C-alpha atoms as a PDB file:
ATOM      1  CA  UNK A   1     -46.201 -70.690 122.965  1.00  0.00           C
ATOM      2  CA  UNK A   2     -45.129 -73.798 124.827  1.00  0.00           C
ATOM      3  CA  UNK A   3     -42.924 -76.508 123.427  1.00  0.00           C
ATOM      4  CA  UNK A   4     -45.880 -78.837 122.852  1.00  0.00           C
ATOM      5  CA  UNK A   5     -47.362 -76.212 120.541  1.00  0.00           C
ATOM      6  CA  UNK A   6     -44.321 -75.620 118.351  1.00  0.00           C
ATOM      7  CA  UNK A   7     -44.295 -76.419 114.678  1.00  0.00           C
ATOM      8  CA  UNK A   8     -40.605 -77.221 114.166  1.00  0.00           C
ATOM      9  CA  UNK A   9     -39.712 -79.475 111.272  1.00  0.00           C
ATOM     10  CA  UNK A  10     -36.280 -81.060 111.331  1.00  0.00           C
ATOM     11  CA  UNK A  11     -36.868 -83.318 108.336  1.00  0.00           C
ATOM     12  CA  UNK A  12     -38.743 -81.907 105.373  1.00  0.00           C
ATOM     13  CA  UNK A  13     -39.937 -85.372 104.401  1.00  0.00           C
ATOM     14  CA  UNK A  14     -41.887 -85.899 107.630  1.00  0.00           C
ATOM     15  CA  UNK A  15     -45.182 -84.536 108.943  1.00  0.00           C
ATOM     16  CA  UNK A  16     -45.126 -83.050 112.446  1.00  0.00           C
ATOM     17  CA  UNK A  17     -46.781 -84.893 115.315  1.00  0.00           C
ATOM     18  CA  UNK A  18     -49.125 -81.943 115.825  1.00  0.00           C
ATOM     19  CA  UNK A  19     -50.360 -82.025 112.240  1.00  0.00           C
ATOM     20  CA  UNK A  20     -50.918 -85.775 112.463  1.00  0.00           C
ATOM     21  CA  UNK A  21     -53.020 -85.275 115.610  1.00  0.00           C
ATOM     22  CA  UNK A  22     -55.349 -82.771 113.916  1.00  0.00           C
ATOM     23  CA  UNK A  23     -55.422 -84.501 110.527  1.00  0.00           C
ATOM     24  CA  UNK A  24     -58.955 -84.884 109.157  1.00  0.00           C
ATOM     25  CA  UNK A  25     -60.383 -82.324 111.603  1.00  0.00           C
ATOM     26  CA  UNK A  26     -62.472 -79.636 109.954  1.00  0.00           C
ATOM     27  CA  UNK A  27     -63.006 -76.467 111.962  1.00  0.00           C
ATOM     28  CA  UNK A  28     -64.189 -74.365 109.044  1.00  0.00           C
ATOM     29  CA  UNK A  29     -67.502 -72.563 109.265  1.00  0.00           C
ATOM     30  CA  UNK A  30     -69.845 -73.948 106.643  1.00  0.00           C
ATOM     31  CA  UNK A  31     -70.308 -71.765 103.589  1.00  0.00           C
ATOM     32  CA  UNK A  32     -74.042 -72.256 104.208  1.00  0.00           C
ATOM     33  CA  UNK A  33     -73.685 -70.088 107.327  1.00  0.00           C
ATOM     34  CA  UNK A  34     -72.093 -67.382 105.193  1.00  0.00           C
ATOM     35  CA  UNK A  35     -74.643 -67.726 102.374  1.00  0.00           C
ATOM     36  CA  UNK A  36     -72.045 -69.238 100.057  1.00  0.00           C
ATOM     37  CA  UNK A  37     -69.186 -66.869 100.864  1.00  0.00           C
ATOM     38  CA  UNK A  38     -65.708 -68.354 101.350  1.00  0.00           C
ATOM     39  CA  UNK A  39     -63.195 -66.568 103.571  1.00  0.00           C
ATOM     40  CA  UNK A  40     -59.598 -67.232 102.564  1.00  0.00           C
ATOM     41  CA  UNK A  41     -56.694 -66.391 104.866  1.00  0.00           C
ATOM     42  CA  UNK A  42     -54.193 -64.251 102.934  1.00  0.00           C
ATOM     43  CA  UNK A  43     -50.756 -65.782 103.540  1.00  0.00           C
ATOM     44  CA  UNK A  44     -52.409 -67.449 106.520  1.00  0.00           C
ATOM     45  CA  UNK A  45     -53.968 -65.437 109.330  1.00  0.00           C
ATOM     46  CA  UNK A  46     -51.312 -62.826 108.657  1.00  0.00           C
ATOM     47  CA  UNK A  47     -52.847 -60.073 110.782  1.00  0.00           C
ATOM     48  CA  UNK A  48     -51.982 -62.180 113.831  1.00  0.00           C
ATOM     49  CA  UNK A  49     -48.858 -64.181 112.960  1.00  0.00           C
ATOM     50  CA  UNK A  50     -46.017 -63.673 110.464  1.00  0.00           C
ATOM     51  CA  UNK A  51     -47.223 -64.166 106.901  1.00  0.00           C
ATOM     52  CA  UNK A  52     -46.648 -67.450 105.098  1.00  0.00           C
ATOM     53  CA  UNK A  53     -45.539 -69.329 108.215  1.00  0.00           C
ATOM     54  CA  UNK A  54     -46.983 -72.467 109.752  1.00  0.00           C
ATOM     55  CA  UNK A  55     -48.277 -70.563 112.812  1.00  0.00           C
ATOM     56  CA  UNK A  56     -50.232 -68.276 110.453  1.00  0.00           C
ATOM     57  CA  UNK A  57     -51.712 -71.234 108.571  1.00  0.00           C
ATOM     58  CA  UNK A  58     -52.494 -73.051 111.816  1.00  0.00           C
ATOM     59  CA  UNK A  59     -54.308 -69.981 113.153  1.00  0.00           C
ATOM     60  CA  UNK A  60     -56.290 -69.810 109.916  1.00  0.00           C
ATOM     61  CA  UNK A  61     -57.450 -73.366 110.483  1.00  0.00           C
ATOM     62  CA  UNK A  62     -58.255 -72.763 114.145  1.00  0.00           C
ATOM     63  CA  UNK A  63     -60.325 -69.709 113.236  1.00  0.00           C
ATOM     64  CA  UNK A  64     -62.441 -71.471 110.653  1.00  0.00           C
ATOM     65  CA  UNK A  65     -61.181 -70.049 107.374  1.00  0.00           C
ATOM     66  CA  UNK A  66     -62.490 -71.941 104.348  1.00  0.00           C
ATOM     67  CA  UNK A  67     -59.134 -71.649 102.598  1.00  0.00           C
ATOM     68  CA  UNK A  68     -55.576 -70.473 103.097  1.00  0.00           C
ATOM     69  CA  UNK A  69     -53.597 -68.663 100.422  1.00  0.00           C
ATOM     70  CA  UNK A  70     -49.833 -68.984 100.112  1.00  0.00           C
ATOM     71  CA  UNK A  71     -47.059 -67.997  97.707  1.00  0.00           C
ATOM     72  CA  UNK A  72     -44.560 -70.480  96.338  1.00  0.00           C
ATOM     73  CA  UNK A  73     -41.363 -70.613  94.303  1.00  0.00           C
ATOM     74  CA  UNK A  74     -38.390 -73.005  94.186  1.00  0.00           C
ATOM     75  CA  UNK A  75     -35.062 -72.678  95.964  1.00  0.00           C
ATOM     76  CA  UNK A  76     -31.700 -73.019  94.243  1.00  0.00           C
ATOM     77  CA  UNK A  77     -31.842 -76.788  94.760  1.00  0.00           C
ATOM     78  CA  UNK A  78     -35.376 -77.093  93.398  1.00  0.00           C
ATOM     79  CA  UNK A  79     -37.317 -77.340  96.662  1.00  0.00           C
ATOM     80  CA  UNK A  80     -40.722 -75.619  96.666  1.00  0.00           C
ATOM     81  CA  UNK A  81     -40.996 -73.260  99.635  1.00  0.00           C
ATOM     82  CA  UNK A  82     -43.525 -70.681 100.835  1.00  0.00           C
ATOM     83  CA  UNK A  83     -42.581 -66.991 100.617  1.00  0.00           C
ATOM     84  CA  UNK A  84     -44.190 -63.982  99.001  1.00  0.00           C
ATOM     85  CA  UNK A  85     -41.262 -61.870  97.882  1.00  0.00           C
ATOM     86  CA  UNK A  86     -38.595 -62.619  95.297  1.00  0.00           C
ATOM     87  CA  UNK A  87     -36.016 -61.925  98.028  1.00  0.00           C
ATOM     88  CA  UNK A  88     -35.795 -62.979 101.679  1.00  0.00           C
ATOM     89  CA  UNK A  89     -34.984 -59.458 102.892  1.00  0.00           C
ATOM     90  CA  UNK A  90     -38.396 -58.224 104.107  1.00  0.00           C
ATOM     91  CA  UNK A  91     -39.509 -61.215 106.168  1.00  0.00           C
ATOM     92  CA  UNK A  92     -36.246 -62.780 107.406  1.00  0.00           C
ATOM     93  CA  UNK A  93     -32.836 -61.793 108.749  1.00  0.00           C
ATOM     94  CA  UNK A  94     -31.254 -62.802 105.438  1.00  0.00           C
ATOM     95  CA  UNK A  95     -30.551 -60.937 102.229  1.00  0.00           C
ATOM     96  CA  UNK A  96     -30.756 -61.951  98.606  1.00  0.00           C
ATOM     97  CA  UNK A  97     -33.004 -63.648  96.060  1.00  0.00           C
ATOM     98  CA  UNK A  98     -34.997 -66.673  97.179  1.00  0.00           C
ATOM     99  CA  UNK A  99     -33.620 -68.703  94.304  1.00  0.00           C
ATOM    100  CA  UNK A 100     -30.037 -68.065  95.408  1.00  0.00           C
ATOM    101  CA  UNK A 101     -30.570 -70.086  98.615  1.00  0.00           C
ATOM    102  CA  UNK A 102     -30.663 -73.843  99.019  1.00  0.00           C
ATOM    103  CA  UNK A 103     -33.504 -75.173 101.123  1.00  0.00           C
ATOM    104  CA  UNK A 104     -31.229 -75.807 104.106  1.00  0.00           C
ATOM    105  CA  UNK A 105     -29.889 -72.247 103.884  1.00  0.00           C
ATOM    106  CA  UNK A 106     -33.326 -70.638 103.679  1.00  0.00           C
ATOM    107  CA  UNK A 107     -34.640 -72.861 106.489  1.00  0.00           C
ATOM    108  CA  UNK A 108     -31.881 -71.597 108.796  1.00  0.00           C
ATOM    109  CA  UNK A 109     -33.040 -67.977 108.474  1.00  0.00           C
ATOM    110  CA  UNK A 110     -34.967 -66.265 111.270  1.00  0.00           C
ATOM    111  CA  UNK A 111     -38.430 -64.871 110.561  1.00  0.00           C
ATOM    112  CA  UNK A 112     -38.288 -61.242 111.704  1.00  0.00           C
ATOM    113  CA  UNK A 113     -40.930 -59.568 109.513  1.00  0.00           C
ATOM    114  CA  UNK A 114     -44.702 -59.510 109.421  1.00  0.00           C
ATOM    115  CA  UNK A 115     -46.986 -59.390 112.435  1.00  0.00           C
ATOM    116  CA  UNK A 116     -45.754 -60.426 115.881  1.00  0.00           C
ATOM    117  CA  UNK A 117     -42.662 -62.445 114.894  1.00  0.00           C
ATOM    118  CA  UNK A 118     -41.433 -62.263 118.489  1.00  0.00           C
ATOM    119  CA  UNK A 119     -44.442 -64.333 119.587  1.00  0.00           C
ATOM    120  CA  UNK A 120     -43.563 -67.159 117.196  1.00  0.00           C
ATOM    121  CA  UNK A 121     -39.844 -67.919 117.622  1.00  0.00           C
ATOM    122  CA  UNK A 122     -40.460 -71.408 116.214  1.00  0.00           C
ATOM    123  CA  UNK A 123     -41.542 -69.999 112.828  1.00  0.00           C
ATOM    124  CA  UNK A 124     -39.327 -70.541 109.815  1.00  0.00           C
ATOM    125  CA  UNK A 125     -39.692 -70.611 106.039  1.00  0.00           C
ATOM    126  CA  UNK A 126     -42.031 -73.555 105.344  1.00  0.00           C
ATOM    127  CA  UNK A 127     -41.919 -76.144 102.662  1.00  0.00           C
ATOM    128  CA  UNK A 128     -44.891 -76.067 100.329  1.00  0.00           C
ATOM    129  CA  UNK A 129     -45.651 -79.614 101.479  1.00  0.00           C
ATOM    130  CA  UNK A 130     -45.850 -78.429 105.091  1.00  0.00           C
ATOM    131  CA  UNK A 131     -48.400 -75.810 104.092  1.00  0.00           C
ATOM    132  CA  UNK A 132     -50.343 -78.503 102.224  1.00  0.00           C
ATOM    133  CA  UNK A 133     -50.252 -80.722 105.308  1.00  0.00           C
ATOM    134  CA  UNK A 134     -51.602 -77.913 107.476  1.00  0.00           C
ATOM    135  CA  UNK A 135     -54.427 -77.189 105.042  1.00  0.00           C
ATOM    136  CA  UNK A 136     -55.277 -80.885 104.928  1.00  0.00           C
ATOM    137  CA  UNK A 137     -55.307 -81.068 108.709  1.00  0.00           C
ATOM    138  CA  UNK A 138     -57.956 -78.351 108.923  1.00  0.00           C
ATOM    139  CA  UNK A 139     -59.848 -79.120 105.723  1.00  0.00           C
ATOM    140  CA  UNK A 140     -58.908 -75.779 104.169  1.00  0.00           C
ATOM    141  CA  UNK A 141     -58.744 -75.230 100.445  1.00  0.00           C
ATOM    142  CA  UNK A 142     -55.188 -74.640  99.198  1.00  0.00           C
ATOM    143  CA  UNK A 143     -54.998 -71.376  97.241  1.00  0.00           C
ATOM    144  CA  UNK A 144     -51.500 -71.352  95.795  1.00  0.00           C
ATOM    145  CA  UNK A 145     -49.947 -68.327  94.144  1.00  0.00           C
ATOM    146  CA  UNK A 146     -47.076 -69.232  91.843  1.00  0.00           C
ATOM    147  CA  UNK A 147     -44.621 -66.356  91.870  1.00  0.00           C
ATOM    148  CA  UNK A 148     -43.896 -65.118  88.390  1.00  0.00           C
ATOM    149  CA  UNK A 149     -40.142 -65.316  89.073  1.00  0.00           C
ATOM    150  CA  UNK A 150     -40.575 -69.103  88.915  1.00  0.00           C
ATOM    151  CA  UNK A 151     -39.063 -70.672  85.786  1.00  0.00           C
ATOM    152  CA  UNK A 152     -41.918 -71.944  83.643  1.00  0.00           C
ATOM    153  CA  UNK A 153     -39.965 -75.095  82.863  1.00  0.00           C
ATOM    154  CA  UNK A 154     -40.155 -76.059  86.549  1.00  0.00           C
ATOM    155  CA  UNK A 155     -43.945 -76.052  86.668  1.00  0.00           C
ATOM    156  CA  UNK A 156     -44.100 -79.702  85.672  1.00  0.00           C
ATOM    157  CA  UNK A 157     -42.404 -80.547  88.964  1.00  0.00           C
ATOM    158  CA  UNK A 158     -44.951 -78.480  90.876  1.00  0.00           C
ATOM    159  CA  UNK A 159     -47.883 -80.067  89.056  1.00  0.00           C
ATOM    160  CA  UNK A 160     -46.511 -83.533  89.833  1.00  0.00           C
ATOM    161  CA  UNK A 161     -46.133 -82.629  93.509  1.00  0.00           C
ATOM    162  CA  UNK A 162     -49.710 -81.358  93.741  1.00  0.00           C
ATOM    163  CA  UNK A 163     -51.204 -84.173  91.668  1.00  0.00           C
ATOM    164  CA  UNK A 164     -49.729 -86.737  94.051  1.00  0.00           C
ATOM    165  CA  UNK A 165     -51.662 -85.211  96.955  1.00  0.00           C
ATOM    166  CA  UNK A 166     -55.158 -86.092  98.128  1.00  0.00           C
ATOM    167  CA  UNK A 167     -56.382 -82.827  99.640  1.00  0.00           C
ATOM    168  CA  UNK A 168     -60.119 -83.281 100.062  1.00  0.00           C
ATOM    169  CA  UNK A 169     -60.664 -79.507 100.039  1.00  0.00           C
ATOM    170  CA  UNK A 170     -58.759 -79.203  96.747  1.00  0.00           C
ATOM    171  CA  UNK A 171     -56.517 -76.649  95.104  1.00  0.00           C
ATOM    172  CA  UNK A 172     -56.871 -73.324  93.358  1.00  0.00           C
ATOM    173  CA  UNK A 173     -53.870 -71.996  91.421  1.00  0.00           C
ATOM    174  CA  UNK A 174     -53.371 -68.244  91.003  1.00  0.00           C
ATOM    175  CA  UNK A 175     -50.596 -66.211  89.383  1.00  0.00           C
ATOM    176  CA  UNK A 176     -49.759 -62.851  87.857  1.00  0.00           C
ATOM    177  CA  UNK A 177     -47.628 -64.760  85.367  1.00  0.00           C
ATOM    178  CA  UNK A 178     -49.549 -65.328  82.154  1.00  0.00           C
ATOM    179  CA  UNK A 179     -47.292 -68.131  80.992  1.00  0.00           C
ATOM    180  CA  UNK A 180     -47.568 -69.697  84.432  1.00  0.00           C
ATOM    181  CA  UNK A 181     -51.365 -69.674  84.332  1.00  0.00           C
ATOM    182  CA  UNK A 182     -51.544 -71.147  80.842  1.00  0.00           C
ATOM    183  CA  UNK A 183     -48.970 -73.845  81.611  1.00  0.00           C
ATOM    184  CA  UNK A 184     -50.600 -74.902  84.887  1.00  0.00           C
ATOM    185  CA  UNK A 185     -53.984 -75.169  83.190  1.00  0.00           C
ATOM    186  CA  UNK A 186     -52.402 -77.453  80.610  1.00  0.00           C
ATOM    187  CA  UNK A 187     -50.719 -79.542  83.302  1.00  0.00           C
ATOM    188  CA  UNK A 188     -53.689 -79.656  85.702  1.00  0.00           C
ATOM    189  CA  UNK A 189     -56.819 -79.230  83.547  1.00  0.00           C
ATOM    190  CA  UNK A 190     -59.218 -80.205  86.356  1.00  0.00           C
ATOM    191  CA  UNK A 191     -57.785 -77.653  88.809  1.00  0.00           C
ATOM    192  CA  UNK A 192     -59.132 -74.085  88.840  1.00  0.00           C
ATOM    193  CA  UNK A 193     -56.517 -71.622  87.573  1.00  0.00           C
ATOM    194  CA  UNK A 194     -57.182 -67.910  88.101  1.00  0.00           C
ATOM    195  CA  UNK A 195     -55.282 -64.981  86.632  1.00  0.00           C
ATOM    196  CA  UNK A 196     -54.246 -62.321  89.158  1.00  0.00           C
ATOM    197  CA  UNK A 197     -54.708 -58.667  88.287  1.00  0.00           C
ATOM    198  CA  UNK A 198     -53.945 -55.497  90.231  1.00  0.00           C
ATOM    199  CA  UNK A 199     -55.629 -52.149  89.632  1.00  0.00           C
ATOM    200  CA  UNK A 200     -52.825 -49.879  88.615  1.00  0.00           C
ATOM    201  CA  UNK A 201     -51.362 -48.170  85.552  1.00  0.00           C
ATOM    202  CA  UNK A 202     -51.341 -50.570  82.639  1.00  0.00           C
ATOM    203  CA  UNK A 203     -53.830 -53.030  84.141  1.00  0.00           C
ATOM    204  CA  UNK A 204     -56.597 -53.660  81.612  1.00  0.00           C
ATOM    205  CA  UNK A 205     -59.484 -55.611  83.150  1.00  0.00           C
ATOM    206  CA  UNK A 206     -61.373 -56.149  79.906  1.00  0.00           C
ATOM    207  CA  UNK A 207     -58.243 -57.418  78.159  1.00  0.00           C
ATOM    208  CA  UNK A 208     -57.602 -59.735  81.118  1.00  0.00           C
ATOM    209  CA  UNK A 209     -61.088 -61.219  80.709  1.00  0.00           C
ATOM    210  CA  UNK A 210     -60.320 -61.953  77.052  1.00  0.00           C
ATOM    211  CA  UNK A 211     -56.950 -63.486  77.996  1.00  0.00           C
ATOM    212  CA  UNK A 212     -58.662 -65.843  80.443  1.00  0.00           C
ATOM    213  CA  UNK A 213     -61.325 -66.863  77.950  1.00  0.00           C
ATOM    214  CA  UNK A 214     -58.850 -67.371  75.118  1.00  0.00           C
ATOM    215  CA  UNK A 215     -56.653 -69.648  77.211  1.00  0.00           C
ATOM    216  CA  UNK A 216     -59.282 -71.677  79.012  1.00  0.00           C
ATOM    217  CA  UNK A 217     -58.550 -70.222  82.431  1.00  0.00           C
ATOM    218  CA  UNK A 218     -61.230 -70.535  85.075  1.00  0.00           C
ATOM    219  CA  UNK A 219     -61.350 -67.010  86.387  1.00  0.00           C
ATOM    220  CA  UNK A 220     -59.746 -63.903  87.811  1.00  0.00           C
ATOM    221  CA  UNK A 221     -58.438 -62.991  91.247  1.00  0.00           C
ATOM    222  CA  UNK A 222     -58.439 -59.209  91.397  1.00  0.00           C
ATOM    223  CA  UNK A 223     -57.626 -56.353  93.720  1.00  0.00           C
ATOM    224  CA  UNK A 224     -60.634 -55.111  95.667  1.00  0.00           C
ATOM    225  CA  UNK A 225     -60.612 -51.651  94.110  1.00  0.00           C
ATOM    226  CA  UNK A 226     -62.281 -52.583  90.813  1.00  0.00           C
ATOM    227  CA  UNK A 227     -65.835 -51.315  90.463  1.00  0.00           C
ATOM    228  CA  UNK A 228     -69.115 -53.154  90.035  1.00  0.00           C
ATOM    229  CA  UNK A 229     -69.138 -52.862  86.262  1.00  0.00           C
ATOM    230  CA  UNK A 230     -65.826 -54.711  85.982  1.00  0.00           C
ATOM    231  CA  UNK A 231     -66.870 -57.387  88.473  1.00  0.00           C
ATOM    232  CA  UNK A 232     -70.134 -57.962  86.608  1.00  0.00           C
ATOM    233  CA  UNK A 233     -68.264 -58.161  83.295  1.00  0.00           C
ATOM    234  CA  UNK A 234     -66.111 -61.016  84.611  1.00  0.00           C
ATOM    235  CA  UNK A 235     -69.105 -62.854  86.043  1.00  0.00           C
ATOM    236  CA  UNK A 236     -71.176 -62.334  82.882  1.00  0.00           C
ATOM    237  CA  UNK A 237     -68.268 -63.811  80.903  1.00  0.00           C
ATOM    238  CA  UNK A 238     -68.646 -66.983  82.950  1.00  0.00           C
ATOM    239  CA  UNK A 239     -65.448 -66.550  84.954  1.00  0.00           C
ATOM    240  CA  UNK A 240     -64.947 -67.431  88.592  1.00  0.00           C
ATOM    241  CA  UNK A 241     -64.119 -64.401  90.712  1.00  0.00           C
ATOM    242  CA  UNK A 242     -61.916 -64.010  93.776  1.00  0.00           C
ATOM    243  CA  UNK A 243     -60.761 -60.775  95.397  1.00  0.00           C
ATOM    244  CA  UNK A 244     -57.848 -59.589  97.518  1.00  0.00           C
ATOM    245  CA  UNK A 245     -57.253 -58.200 100.090  1.00  0.00           C
ATOM    246  CA  UNK A 246     -60.501 -57.539 101.992  1.00  0.00           C
ATOM    247  CA  UNK A 247     -59.902 -56.421 105.576  1.00  0.00           C
ATOM    248  CA  UNK A 248     -63.077 -54.405 106.146  1.00  0.00           C
ATOM    249  CA  UNK A 249     -66.494 -56.009 106.574  1.00  0.00           C
ATOM    250  CA  UNK A 250     -68.274 -53.380 104.503  1.00  0.00           C
ATOM    251  CA  UNK A 251     -65.936 -54.056 101.567  1.00  0.00           C
ATOM    252  CA  UNK A 252     -66.577 -57.784 101.867  1.00  0.00           C
ATOM    253  CA  UNK A 253     -70.320 -57.119 101.843  1.00  0.00           C
ATOM    254  CA  UNK A 254     -70.061 -54.856  98.792  1.00  0.00           C
ATOM    255  CA  UNK A 255     -68.248 -57.432  96.668  1.00  0.00           C
ATOM    256  CA  UNK A 256     -70.499 -60.236  97.906  1.00  0.00           C
ATOM    257  CA  UNK A 257     -73.509 -58.214  96.780  1.00  0.00           C
ATOM    258  CA  UNK A 258     -71.840 -57.815  93.373  1.00  0.00           C
ATOM    259  CA  UNK A 259     -71.527 -61.605  93.075  1.00  0.00           C
ATOM    260  CA  UNK A 260     -68.047 -62.435  94.379  1.00  0.00           C
ATOM    261  CA  UNK A 261     -67.979 -65.417  96.740  1.00  0.00           C
ATOM    262  CA  UNK A 262     -64.252 -66.041  97.362  1.00  0.00           C
ATOM    263  CA  UNK A 263     -62.876 -63.298  99.626  1.00  0.00           C
ATOM    264  CA  UNK A 264     -59.208 -63.184 100.632  1.00  0.00           C
ATOM    265  CA  UNK A 265     -58.392 -61.388 103.875  1.00  0.00           C
ATOM    266  CA  UNK A 266     -55.518 -60.756 106.258  1.00  0.00           C
ATOM    267  CA  UNK A 267     -57.795 -59.986 109.168  1.00  0.00           C
ATOM    268  CA  UNK A 268     -61.439 -61.103 108.721  1.00  0.00           C
ATOM    269  CA  UNK A 269     -62.115 -64.626 109.986  1.00  0.00           C
ATOM    270  CA  UNK A 270     -65.495 -66.162 109.143  1.00  0.00           C
ATOM    271  CA  UNK A 271     -66.844 -65.293 112.586  1.00  0.00           C
ATOM    272  CA  UNK A 272     -66.344 -61.603 111.807  1.00  0.00           C
ATOM    273  CA  UNK A 273     -68.664 -61.746 108.801  1.00  0.00           C
ATOM    274  CA  UNK A 274     -71.178 -64.395 109.893  1.00  0.00           C
ATOM    275  CA  UNK A 275     -74.643 -62.896 109.416  1.00  0.00           C
ATOM    276  CA  UNK A 276     -73.283 -60.130 107.181  1.00  0.00           C
ATOM    277  CA  UNK A 277     -74.209 -61.677 103.830  1.00  0.00           C
END
């Protein structure tokens, strides 16, 4: 990648020249062409570029994804950054909990995990605002997972940050943290908030439906191993449904046929499923 293509940010209060140049462009494939299905890039186009980096989100925009999902939590000095894990160990050359680093310290780390990090030497740990800027530039919906290690008493700061934005494609908030979901729905009542659920020991889908209904949540974002009966139960309860992580076209088709329209994928851009639904 040449210098003109890099996505370096030296000042976290500024927007890169490249993002400004593509601002207001919309390369997404219309949901009409996918019969209402929405393809969401899981941590960006993470099958191609390192997860949760600006190159991965940029590639998602260039390849027409309707939305881009990210993970966020605050640093030691209260700056909201984008990273999936509670520690920096798996995706960077650093070690230790995310919340033990200041923003400047975490920014200085090298991305050495995920797909093809050697092809993206410019990649670093992004600010949440940089991810938001990239989504805005490509007209992608911002699907933001709040990590459940995030102190609940800091969610007011996050809600204020998001509420000050004017993303035309909008936000969806997701979290495994029950308190986090309830609090964000209170803070941002007009924003969809979905409860995340895996499919493992102790995961009770029916109880999760009741939790969502009792707390005014908008829906559920669930692992793509739940069966049709569970999916139908959520839909019949009036909940929005989103699934993760769908990397095979036949799986995407199966859940679409069951009524799910928001499909999160590491590897399936809209072009790969156009005409499938």
